[in-house]
Protein backbone atom coordinates (compact mmCIF):
# COMPACT_ATOMS: atom_id res chain seq x y z
CA ALA A 1 99.67 68.82 221.33
CA GLY A 2 100.74 70.92 224.31
CA PRO A 3 103.38 71.20 227.05
CA ASN A 4 103.54 68.58 229.80
CA ALA A 5 101.99 69.63 233.14
CA THR A 6 103.34 68.53 236.51
CA ALA A 7 100.71 67.45 239.05
CA ALA A 8 98.01 69.00 236.91
CA SER A 9 96.05 68.48 233.74
CA ALA A 10 97.90 69.44 230.57
CA VAL A 11 96.51 72.14 228.32
CA CYS A 12 96.09 70.38 224.98
CA VAL A 13 96.03 72.22 221.68
CA TYR A 14 94.43 70.70 218.58
CA ASP A 15 95.44 72.90 215.64
CA GLU A 16 94.03 70.90 212.77
CA CYS A 17 96.03 72.90 210.22
CA TYR A 18 99.22 71.16 211.41
CA VAL A 19 97.82 67.70 210.71
CA GLY A 20 98.51 67.83 206.97
CA ALA A 21 97.59 69.44 203.70
CA LEU A 22 93.92 70.09 204.38
CA CYS A 23 93.52 72.95 201.88
CA ALA A 24 94.36 73.17 198.18
CA ALA A 25 97.31 74.97 196.67
CA ASN A 26 97.26 78.76 197.00
CA GLN A 27 95.06 78.51 200.08
CA THR A 28 95.80 79.03 203.77
CA CYS A 29 94.48 76.85 206.56
CA VAL A 30 93.13 78.68 209.63
CA ASP A 31 91.92 76.98 212.81
CA THR A 32 90.43 79.49 215.24
CA ASN A 33 89.24 76.82 217.69
CA ILE A 34 92.28 74.88 218.82
CA SER A 35 90.75 73.42 221.96
CA VAL A 36 89.21 70.37 220.30
CA PRO A 37 89.69 68.58 216.97
CA ALA A 38 86.22 69.54 215.76
CA GLY A 39 86.83 69.72 212.01
CA ASP A 40 86.18 73.46 212.15
CA PHE A 41 89.32 74.58 210.36
CA GLU A 42 88.82 76.98 207.45
CA CYS A 43 90.49 77.18 204.04
CA VAL A 44 91.06 80.77 202.94
CA CYS A 45 92.03 81.83 199.40
CA ASP A 46 95.45 83.47 199.18
CA VAL A 47 95.52 87.03 197.83
CA PRO A 48 95.08 88.02 195.03
CA SER A 49 92.66 85.14 194.42
CA VAL A 50 89.16 85.41 195.86
CA GLY A 51 86.53 82.98 197.08
CA ALA A 52 84.37 82.17 200.07
CA ASN A 53 86.06 80.65 203.10
CA VAL A 54 85.14 76.98 203.49
CA THR A 55 84.92 75.17 206.83
CA GLY A 56 86.29 71.66 206.94
CA GLY A 57 87.50 71.46 203.36
CA ALA A 58 89.21 73.17 200.45
CA ALA A 59 87.86 76.47 199.16
CA THR A 60 87.02 77.26 195.55
CA CYS A 61 89.30 80.14 194.62
CA ARG A 62 89.22 82.33 191.55
CA LEU A 63 91.80 84.64 190.01
CA ASN A 64 90.45 87.12 187.49
CA GLU A 65 93.57 88.69 186.05
CA CYS A 66 91.51 91.53 184.62
CA THR A 67 90.51 92.83 188.04
CA ALA A 68 93.10 91.51 190.49
CA SER A 69 96.52 92.98 191.25
CA CYS A 70 99.24 90.45 190.50
CA GLY A 71 102.40 89.89 188.49
CA THR A 72 100.55 88.42 185.49
CA CYS A 73 97.51 90.69 185.68
CA LEU A 74 96.17 93.36 183.35
CA ALA A 75 97.65 96.45 184.99
CA GLY A 76 95.83 98.71 182.49
CA ALA A 77 97.15 97.04 179.33
CA CYS A 78 93.92 97.31 177.33
CA GLY A 79 93.36 100.50 175.36
CA ALA A 80 90.31 102.73 175.02
CA ASN A 81 87.12 101.01 173.83
CA GLN A 82 88.51 97.61 174.78
CA THR A 83 87.47 95.15 177.47
CA CYS A 84 89.68 92.76 179.38
CA VAL A 85 88.44 89.16 179.41
CA ASP A 86 89.88 86.34 181.54
CA SER A 87 88.26 83.19 180.15
CA ASN A 88 89.80 80.90 182.77
CA GLU A 89 89.74 82.10 186.38
CA SER A 90 91.49 79.05 187.79
CA VAL A 91 94.26 80.09 190.18
CA SER A 92 96.65 77.85 188.27
CA SER A 93 95.76 79.43 184.91
CA THR A 94 97.68 82.69 184.58
CA GLY A 95 98.69 84.92 181.72
CA ASP A 96 95.62 83.90 179.69
CA TRP A 97 93.64 87.15 179.76
CA ALA A 98 93.00 89.06 176.54
CA CYS A 99 91.96 92.51 175.36
CA VAL A 100 88.79 92.35 173.26
CA CYS A 101 87.58 95.28 171.16
CA ASP A 102 84.20 96.68 172.13
CA SER A 103 81.39 96.13 169.61
CA PRO A 104 80.89 97.05 166.83
CA ALA A 105 84.68 97.04 166.36
CA THR A 106 86.40 93.65 166.11
CA GLY A 107 89.79 92.41 167.28
CA MET A 108 91.39 90.51 170.15
CA GLN A 109 94.89 90.25 171.57
CA PRO A 110 95.92 87.72 174.26
CA GLY A 111 97.93 89.30 177.05
CA GLY A 112 98.05 92.81 175.65
CA ASN A 113 96.51 95.77 173.86
CA ALA A 114 94.40 94.78 170.84
CA THR A 115 94.37 96.35 167.38
CA CYS A 116 90.71 97.13 166.71
CA SER A 117 89.06 97.36 163.32
CA LEU A 118 85.70 98.70 162.17
CA ASP A 119 84.89 98.08 158.52
CA GLU A 120 81.76 100.11 157.90
CA CYS A 121 81.13 98.14 154.72
CA THR A 122 80.83 94.78 156.43
CA ASP A 123 80.14 95.43 160.13
CA THR A 124 76.88 96.53 161.75
CA CYS A 125 76.83 99.95 163.40
CA PRO A 126 74.87 103.24 163.27
CA THR A 127 77.29 104.71 160.72
CA CYS A 128 77.79 101.53 158.71
CA ILE A 129 76.50 100.73 155.24
CA SER A 130 74.03 98.33 156.83
CA ALA A 131 72.04 101.35 158.00
CA SER A 132 71.54 102.73 154.48
CA GLY A 133 73.38 100.71 151.84
CA CYS A 134 74.82 101.20 148.40
CA GLY A 135 72.56 100.87 145.38
CA ALA A 136 72.22 97.85 143.11
CA ASN A 137 75.39 96.91 141.20
CA GLN A 138 77.58 99.01 143.46
CA THR A 139 80.50 98.15 145.74
CA CYS A 140 81.44 99.58 149.10
CA ALA A 141 84.97 100.42 150.24
CA ASP A 142 86.15 101.57 153.68
CA ASN A 143 89.71 102.76 153.24
CA THR A 144 90.24 103.55 156.94
CA THR A 145 89.05 100.86 159.33
CA THR A 146 90.19 102.35 162.64
CA PRO A 147 87.15 102.56 164.99
CA GLN A 148 87.60 106.33 165.37
CA SER A 149 87.27 106.92 161.60
CA LEU A 150 83.54 106.95 160.86
CA ARG A 151 81.34 107.74 157.85
CA ASP A 152 84.30 107.42 155.51
CA TRP A 153 83.00 104.49 153.47
CA ALA A 154 82.09 105.08 149.83
CA CYS A 155 79.94 103.51 147.11
CA SER A 156 81.24 103.03 143.59
CA CYS A 157 79.50 101.78 140.47
CA VAL A 158 80.34 98.36 139.04
CA ALA A 159 81.71 98.42 135.48
CA PRO A 160 80.62 99.01 132.82
CA ALA A 161 78.54 101.60 134.65
CA LEU A 162 80.35 104.78 135.62
CA GLY A 163 80.01 106.85 138.78
CA GLY A 164 81.31 107.32 142.29
CA PRO A 165 82.86 107.04 144.68
CA ALA A 166 80.13 108.67 146.74
CA ALA A 167 80.98 109.31 150.40
CA ALA A 168 78.71 107.43 152.82
CA ALA A 169 75.90 107.29 150.27
CA PRO A 170 74.83 105.38 147.16
CA ALA A 171 76.61 106.48 143.98
CA VAL A 172 74.80 107.88 140.95
CA CYS A 173 75.67 105.38 138.23
CA VAL A 174 75.55 106.11 134.52
CA TYR A 175 75.45 103.39 131.88
CA ASP A 176 75.35 104.74 128.34
CA GLU A 177 74.93 101.60 126.26
CA CYS A 178 75.80 103.50 123.10
CA ALA A 179 79.16 104.55 124.50
CA VAL A 180 80.41 101.17 125.65
CA ALA A 181 79.87 99.23 122.41
CA SER A 182 79.14 99.63 118.71
CA ARG A 183 75.42 99.14 118.50
CA CYS A 184 74.22 100.41 115.13
CA PRO A 185 75.43 99.87 111.56
CA THR A 186 77.16 102.57 109.54
CA GLY A 187 74.88 105.44 108.71
CA GLN A 188 72.79 105.08 111.83
CA ALA A 189 72.97 106.88 115.17
CA CYS A 190 72.66 105.19 118.56
CA ALA A 191 70.69 106.79 121.37
CA ASP A 192 70.20 105.57 124.94
CA PRO A 193 67.11 107.27 126.34
CA SER A 194 67.94 106.22 129.93
CA THR A 195 71.51 105.97 131.14
CA ALA A 196 70.51 104.71 134.57
CA ALA A 197 72.51 101.60 135.41
CA VAL A 198 69.33 99.61 136.04
CA ASP A 199 67.91 100.40 132.58
CA THR A 200 69.50 98.10 130.02
CA ASP A 201 68.74 97.09 126.45
CA ASP A 202 66.80 100.29 125.87
CA TRP A 203 69.13 101.78 123.22
CA LEU A 204 67.76 102.77 119.83
CA CYS A 205 69.17 103.07 116.30
CA SER A 206 67.92 105.79 113.98
CA CYS A 207 68.82 106.68 110.43
CA GLU A 208 71.08 109.71 110.05
CA ILE A 209 69.78 112.49 107.82
């Protein structure tokens, strides 16, 4: 295209971007050489998407809503000890980012701040039970599972043994077999030489004087 010239050669302009939709949606066509139709137009990703300019064809653009600045983007929505994750960086896929709690805490919230949990009885971490453990026939309880509340798990003995809760350590369990059941007949005394929970069936009957 170009203006008509009287008694002279016309100056023709070949801006390939005016031919048609050469680039994909959310891309801009740029032709810096408009003297000849050389197929040298470039497709450029529209901000805030990013991607390498492509000559002669559509670009591959990405929109990471965790790092870009846009209406649907993160804008600092994730809290401390959380990471923003955008699992689909397609320009057409928006509002699908999520806040994910940093390990060893667990939790995830699409499009907003997550509620993180750290159960030191079941998770793996330097302060968790996995690093030391409760003893045999004991249970673990973590009454406060916020990630900032550490070393507050406790071990308790499983009935009929008695003992605990012991803070961040195995409990000392006592199992007096003479106390939990009637073992000996009338006129005899019951004695349990070892009340350790792991020692069972070691009670004795002796005649009373």
